[in-house]
């Protein structure tokens, strides 16, 4: 599962649109299974499922009728279509509401039904463009559970969002984009390592510390003391042991110790100078 992370207007939806063929790239090409996509009728596109940012459902139809429609567009008929509908409704936990009009659904239920529609033809690749926008917490967690199930089944998932906590929770790798360009790509842990002293040790002291000496302790990238609060940026939280040993050896008394790690918001701010949610 790859997280495509960036602020509004960074190019996430444009990227999804190019992968699906809705937009033509100015240069380069989209490869699926190592082969380039060739036009709208390329059979390789049957390997792709899309959950768009804007809901793609017919409110006046029931959930069942929506899925029958989308399934028929994928070429499913008869028993194969009925089994696909049952399978996807069970996954998104909407089987008991299958005959209800979509207009009676909550926003979260509509998002889950949209996910079901994208899975009818059992695609190998699933593209989700900010699928939790406007979703209640219960439905949001249900979507996360669905995606975890799909990951275990071996599907490749591209997940676009500007909510970094979603990426940190679910994604194996992260691609950060801004102004249509990739500015960083790695695991979450790898992205944290882009920041010097991204791991912070904070503790309360009873006296002032010799800062020049503390900066020489292995693993300390930076340190500062405001009143009796000491903060030290570490290359790795394992270095906190060396700092505590140094403080003890020098006779400094300390208490109320906390450790914290940079999040993806901090990484993005460092790389671009603006918030994940800025336009």
Foldseek 3Di string as FASTA:
>chain_A
DEEEFFAPPQCQLVVVCCQQVVDPDPDDFHDDPRHGDDDNPGPSSLQEFELDPDQDFDQQAFLQVRLVVLLVVSVDDDPLSVVLLVVLCVLLVCVVRRRPGNVPDDPLSSLSSSVSSRCSSPHLEYEYAASCVPHDPVSVVSVVVSVVVVVVVRHHYYYYDHPQVVCLVDPQKYFYGGNHDTQDIGGQVVLLLVDFLQKKKKWFWPDDDPQVVLCPQPQFRHWDDDPRMIMTRGSDPVSVVSSVVVCVVVPIDIDDMDMDGHTVQVSVCVRPVDGRHDD
